[in-house]
Structure formats: structure tokens, C-alpha cells
């Protein structure tokens, strides 16, 4: 059974011959009612504060959950970015290796071409020298015939 300050303040008692002094009972009940009223107000204030704190805790929990989700998402994104960067680095490395191999092949091919051209020029030089010697020998023979030597 609950008692409100009004219930206490206006509670009526039966009168008896040997009963308590009505004025003292009334005074005591009035003080008890005031005290109960103060306790009730304190209780309501505490209840209100508890409700506010529970709401704040709920907000903190929601914020905490959001923060946890954000951290998990950031970690996932970080892993994905790292993985993507590693894949891109591997592609760049492979492309650089292919470019190096291509450049090396082209350089070797160019060197071979230059060597072939040099060999061809050496052969042409030998042919030219042979033909020039033949021509000089022909001119010397003709000169010897003319000069009688």
C-alpha cells in the first residue's frame, strides 16, 4: 500500500478514551507528510536524473557502436587499399620488367644489325681494295708497256 503526503496529512483515527493526544498525532502526521513529500520530490528528481543518465548511456552506447563500425570499416578500407596498392605495385613492376626486357632485346638486335653492317662494310672494303689493286695493277702494266720497262 502506498501513502501520499495528502493521505498521511488527512488520515483520520478513531477516538478512544485512552488514545493519543490528537494535536500531537496531527502535528506528527503533518511533519511526516512534509518529510514524505520531500522524499517523494527527491525520488522524482532522482528518477528524472536516472532517466536522463539512462538516455545518455543509450546515446553513448549507440555512439560506441557507430565508432566500432567506423573503425571496422576503416580497417577494411585500409586492408583493401593496401591490397590494391600491392597489386598496382606488382603490375608496375611487371611492366617495368617487360620494358627492360624489350629495351634489352632492341639493344641486342640493334647491336647485331650494326655488327652485320660493319661486316658488310668490311667485305665491301676488301672488294674495293681488291678492285682498286686490280685497276692499279692494270694501269701499272699499261704504264710499263708504254714506258717499256
C-alpha atoms as a PDB file:
ATOM      1  CA  UNK A   1       0.000   0.000   0.000  1.00  0.00           C
ATOM      2  CA  UNK A   2       1.374   3.439  -0.948  1.00  0.00           C
ATOM      3  CA  UNK A   3       0.983   6.576   1.108  1.00  0.00           C
ATOM      4  CA  UNK A   4       0.936  10.005  -0.390  1.00  0.00           C
ATOM      5  CA  UNK A   5       1.663  13.092   1.703  1.00  0.00           C
ATOM      6  CA  UNK A   6      -2.036  14.029   1.445  1.00  0.00           C
ATOM      7  CA  UNK A   7      -3.099  10.580   2.668  1.00  0.00           C
ATOM      8  CA  UNK A   8      -0.858  10.954   5.683  1.00  0.00           C
ATOM      9  CA  UNK A   9      -1.841  14.573   6.355  1.00  0.00           C
ATOM     10  CA  UNK A  10      -5.595  13.890   6.379  1.00  0.00           C
ATOM     11  CA  UNK A  11      -5.648  10.444   7.892  1.00  0.00           C
ATOM     12  CA  UNK A  12      -8.404  10.168  10.479  1.00  0.00           C
ATOM     13  CA  UNK A  13      -8.233   7.928  13.544  1.00  0.00           C
ATOM     14  CA  UNK A  14     -10.976   6.669  15.824  1.00  0.00           C
ATOM     15  CA  UNK A  15     -11.181   8.343  19.133  1.00  0.00           C
ATOM     16  CA  UNK A  16     -10.858   6.359  22.263  1.00  0.00           C
ATOM     17  CA  UNK A  17     -10.613   7.229  25.888  1.00  0.00           C
ATOM     18  CA  UNK A  18      -7.087   6.274  26.362  1.00  0.00           C
ATOM     19  CA  UNK A  19      -5.880   7.366  22.904  1.00  0.00           C
ATOM     20  CA  UNK A  20      -3.085   9.640  21.933  1.00  0.00           C
ATOM     21  CA  UNK A  21      -3.332  13.382  22.065  1.00  0.00           C
ATOM     22  CA  UNK A  22      -4.981  14.388  18.785  1.00  0.00           C
ATOM     23  CA  UNK A  23      -2.886  17.565  18.422  1.00  0.00           C
ATOM     24  CA  UNK A  24       0.381  15.639  18.765  1.00  0.00           C
ATOM     25  CA  UNK A  25      -0.795  12.980  16.303  1.00  0.00           C
ATOM     26  CA  UNK A  26      -1.883  15.725  13.887  1.00  0.00           C
ATOM     27  CA  UNK A  27       1.470  17.551  14.303  1.00  0.00           C
ATOM     28  CA  UNK A  28       3.441  14.337  13.830  1.00  0.00           C
ATOM     29  CA  UNK A  29       1.430  13.361  10.756  1.00  0.00           C
ATOM     30  CA  UNK A  30       1.948  16.857   9.291  1.00  0.00           C
ATOM     31  CA  UNK A  31       5.726  16.586   9.741  1.00  0.00           C
ATOM     32  CA  UNK A  32       5.659  13.039   8.349  1.00  0.00           C
ATOM     33  CA  UNK A  33       3.631  14.268   5.354  1.00  0.00           C
ATOM     34  CA  UNK A  34       6.128  17.076   4.712  1.00  0.00           C
ATOM     35  CA  UNK A  35       9.028  14.669   5.003  1.00  0.00           C
ATOM     36  CA  UNK A  36       7.306  12.163   2.722  1.00  0.00           C
ATOM     37  CA  UNK A  37       6.579  14.951   0.266  1.00  0.00           C
ATOM     38  CA  UNK A  38      10.280  15.930   0.302  1.00  0.00           C
ATOM     39  CA  UNK A  39      11.324  12.308  -0.104  1.00  0.00           C
ATOM     40  CA  UNK A  40       8.852  11.941  -2.974  1.00  0.00           C
ATOM     41  CA  UNK A  41      10.228  15.049  -4.689  1.00  0.00           C
ATOM     42  CA  UNK A  42      13.770  13.810  -4.166  1.00  0.00           C
ATOM     43  CA  UNK A  43      12.722  10.445  -5.511  1.00  0.00           C
ATOM     44  CA  UNK A  44      11.165  12.064  -8.602  1.00  0.00           C
ATOM     45  CA  UNK A  45      14.272  14.179  -9.114  1.00  0.00           C
ATOM     46  CA  UNK A  46      16.410  11.056  -8.824  1.00  0.00           C
ATOM     47  CA  UNK A  47      14.088   9.155 -11.162  1.00  0.00           C
ATOM     48  CA  UNK A  48      14.311  12.002 -13.690  1.00  0.00           C
ATOM     49  CA  UNK A  49      18.094  12.099 -13.375  1.00  0.00           C
ATOM     50  CA  UNK A  50      18.274   8.301 -13.743  1.00  0.00           C
ATOM     51  CA  UNK A  51      16.137   8.537 -16.902  1.00  0.00           C
ATOM     52  CA  UNK A  52      18.423  11.268 -18.252  1.00  0.00           C
ATOM     53  CA  UNK A  53      21.509   9.214 -17.440  1.00  0.00           C
ATOM     54  CA  UNK A  54      19.992   6.096 -18.992  1.00  0.00           C
ATOM     55  CA  UNK A  55      19.237   8.096 -22.148  1.00  0.00           C
ATOM     56  CA  UNK A  56      22.797   9.407 -22.129  1.00  0.00           C
ATOM     57  CA  UNK A  57      24.166   5.884 -21.660  1.00  0.00           C
ATOM     58  CA  UNK A  58      21.997   4.736 -24.571  1.00  0.00           C
ATOM     59  CA  UNK A  59      23.414   7.569 -26.709  1.00  0.00           C
ATOM     60  CA  UNK A  60      26.945   6.644 -25.658  1.00  0.00           C
ATOM     61  CA  UNK A  61      26.304   3.016 -26.481  1.00  0.00           C
ATOM     62  CA  UNK A  62      24.914   3.979 -29.879  1.00  0.00           C
ATOM     63  CA  UNK A  63      27.909   6.250 -30.462  1.00  0.00           C
ATOM     64  CA  UNK A  64      30.212   3.472 -29.328  1.00  0.00           C
ATOM     65  CA  UNK A  65      28.592   1.062 -31.766  1.00  0.00           C
ATOM     66  CA  UNK A  66      28.871   3.604 -34.571  1.00  0.00           C
ATOM     67  CA  UNK A  67      32.503   4.194 -33.661  1.00  0.00           C
ATOM     68  CA  UNK A  68      33.177   0.451 -33.649  1.00  0.00           C
ATOM     69  CA  UNK A  69      31.536   0.119 -37.059  1.00  0.00           C
ATOM     70  CA  UNK A  70      33.568   3.062 -38.345  1.00  0.00           C
ATOM     71  CA  UNK A  71      36.809   1.530 -37.038  1.00  0.00           C
ATOM     72  CA  UNK A  72      35.964  -1.826 -38.618  1.00  0.00           C
ATOM     73  CA  UNK A  73      35.100  -0.084 -41.899  1.00  0.00           C
ATOM     74  CA  UNK A  74      38.332   1.947 -41.757  1.00  0.00           C
ATOM     75  CA  UNK A  75      40.350  -1.218 -41.138  1.00  0.00           C
ATOM     76  CA  UNK A  76      38.611  -2.962 -44.032  1.00  0.00           C
ATOM     77  CA  UNK A  77      39.208   0.007 -46.325  1.00  0.00           C
ATOM     78  CA  UNK A  78      42.837   0.157 -45.186  1.00  0.00           C
ATOM     79  CA  UNK A  79      43.317  -3.527 -45.998  1.00  0.00           C
ATOM     80  CA  UNK A  80      41.648  -3.073 -49.386  1.00  0.00           C
ATOM     81  CA  UNK A  81      43.783  -0.023 -50.171  1.00  0.00           C
ATOM     82  CA  UNK A  82      46.953  -1.856 -49.136  1.00  0.00           C
ATOM     83  CA  UNK A  83      45.958  -4.836 -51.246  1.00  0.00           C
ATOM     84  CA  UNK A  84      45.148  -2.584 -54.204  1.00  0.00           C
ATOM     85  CA  UNK A  85      48.462  -0.755 -53.803  1.00  0.00           C
ATOM     86  CA  UNK A  86      50.324  -4.064 -53.709  1.00  0.00           C
ATOM     87  CA  UNK A  87      48.527  -5.226 -56.878  1.00  0.00           C
ATOM     88  CA  UNK A  88      49.309  -1.931 -58.606  1.00  0.00           C
ATOM     89  CA  UNK A  89      52.942  -2.134 -57.490  1.00  0.00           C
ATOM     90  CA  UNK A  90      53.145  -5.672 -58.875  1.00  0.00           C
ATOM     91  CA  UNK A  91      51.658  -4.512 -62.193  1.00  0.00           C
ATOM     92  CA  UNK A  92      54.119  -1.601 -62.364  1.00  0.00           C
ATOM     93  CA  UNK A  93      56.982  -3.947 -61.501  1.00  0.00           C
ATOM     94  CA  UNK A  94      55.885  -6.402 -64.209  1.00  0.00           C
ATOM     95  CA  UNK A  95      55.516  -3.599 -66.772  1.00  0.00           C
ATOM     96  CA  UNK A  96      58.953  -2.246 -65.862  1.00  0.00           C
ATOM     97  CA  UNK A  97      60.443  -5.724 -66.204  1.00  0.00           C
ATOM     98  CA  UNK A  98      58.760  -6.167 -69.594  1.00  0.00           C
ATOM     99  CA  UNK A  99      60.001  -2.731 -70.710  1.00  0.00           C
ATOM    100  CA  UNK A 100      63.520  -3.622 -69.564  1.00  0.00           C
ATOM    101  CA  UNK A 101      63.403  -6.906 -71.466  1.00  0.00           C
ATOM    102  CA  UNK A 102      62.022  -5.189 -74.576  1.00  0.00           C
ATOM    103  CA  UNK A 103      64.703  -2.470 -74.408  1.00  0.00           C
ATOM    104  CA  UNK A 104      67.403  -5.075 -73.916  1.00  0.00           C
ATOM    105  CA  UNK A 105      66.145  -7.112 -76.894  1.00  0.00           C
ATOM    106  CA  UNK A 106      66.009  -3.969 -79.026  1.00  0.00           C
ATOM    107  CA  UNK A 107      69.552  -3.028 -77.959  1.00  0.00           C
ATOM    108  CA  UNK A 108      70.855  -6.534 -78.762  1.00  0.00           C
ATOM    109  CA  UNK A 109      69.038  -6.500 -82.091  1.00  0.00           C
ATOM    110  CA  UNK A 110      70.452  -3.062 -82.906  1.00  0.00           C
ATOM    111  CA  UNK A 111      73.946  -4.246 -81.945  1.00  0.00           C
ATOM    112  CA  UNK A 112      73.605  -7.267 -84.228  1.00  0.00           C
ATOM    113  CA  UNK A 113      72.385  -5.040 -87.062  1.00  0.00           C
ATOM    114  CA  UNK A 114      75.339  -2.689 -86.572  1.00  0.00           C
ATOM    115  CA  UNK A 115      77.703  -5.685 -86.479  1.00  0.00           C
ATOM    116  CA  UNK A 116      76.174  -7.033 -89.738  1.00  0.00           C
ATOM    117  CA  UNK A 117      76.511  -3.611 -91.359  1.00  0.00           C
ATOM    118  CA  UNK A 118      80.133  -3.401 -90.143  1.00  0.00           C
ATOM    119  CA  UNK A 119      80.859  -6.859 -91.578  1.00  0.00           C
ATOM    120  CA  UNK A 120      79.215  -5.828 -94.855  1.00  0.00           C
ATOM    121  CA  UNK A 121      81.304  -2.638 -94.926  1.00  0.00           C
ATOM    122  CA  UNK A 122      84.470  -4.680 -94.239  1.00  0.00           C
ATOM    123  CA  UNK A 123      83.607  -7.003 -97.117  1.00  0.00           C
ATOM    124  CA  UNK A 124      82.872  -4.039 -99.414  1.00  0.00           C
ATOM    125  CA  UNK A 125      86.221  -2.518 -98.353  1.00  0.00           C
ATOM    126  CA  UNK A 126      88.026  -5.732 -99.190  1.00  0.00           C
ATOM    127  CA  UNK A 127      86.247  -5.911-102.562  1.00  0.00           C
ATOM    128  CA  UNK A 128      87.035  -2.230-103.200  1.00  0.00           C
ATOM    129  CA  UNK A 129      90.695  -2.707-102.226  1.00  0.00           C
ATOM    130  CA  UNK A 130      90.883  -5.793-104.452  1.00  0.00           C
ATOM    131  CA  UNK A 131      89.290  -3.959-107.379  1.00  0.00           C
ATOM    132  CA  UNK A 132      91.455  -0.867-106.800  1.00  0.00           C
ATOM    133  CA  UNK A 133      94.606  -3.027-106.665  1.00  0.00           C
ATOM    134  CA  UNK A 134      93.471  -4.751-109.843  1.00  0.00           C
ATOM    135  CA  UNK A 135      92.892  -1.402-111.510  1.00  0.00           C
ATOM    136  CA  UNK A 136      96.261  -0.084-110.267  1.00  0.00           C
ATOM    137  CA  UNK A 137      97.948  -3.264-111.461  1.00  0.00           C
ATOM    138  CA  UNK A 138      96.233  -2.770-114.827  1.00  0.00           C
ATOM    139  CA  UNK A 139      97.396   0.863-115.008  1.00  0.00           C
ATOM    140  CA  UNK A 140     100.928  -0.154-113.940  1.00  0.00           C
ATOM    141  CA  UNK A 141     101.031  -2.831-116.596  1.00  0.00           C
ATOM    142  CA  UNK A 142      99.789  -0.343-119.177  1.00  0.00           C
ATOM    143  CA  UNK A 143     102.319   2.238-117.950  1.00  0.00           C
ATOM    144  CA  UNK A 144     105.084  -0.354-118.124  1.00  0.00           C
ATOM    145  CA  UNK A 145     104.139  -1.161-121.709  1.00  0.00           C
ATOM    146  CA  UNK A 146     104.186   2.482-122.628  1.00  0.00           C
ATOM    147  CA  UNK A 147     107.442   3.217-120.918  1.00  0.00           C
ATOM    148  CA  UNK A 148     108.998  -0.065-121.940  1.00  0.00           C
ATOM    149  CA  UNK A 149     110.032  -1.116-118.555  1.00  0.00           C
END
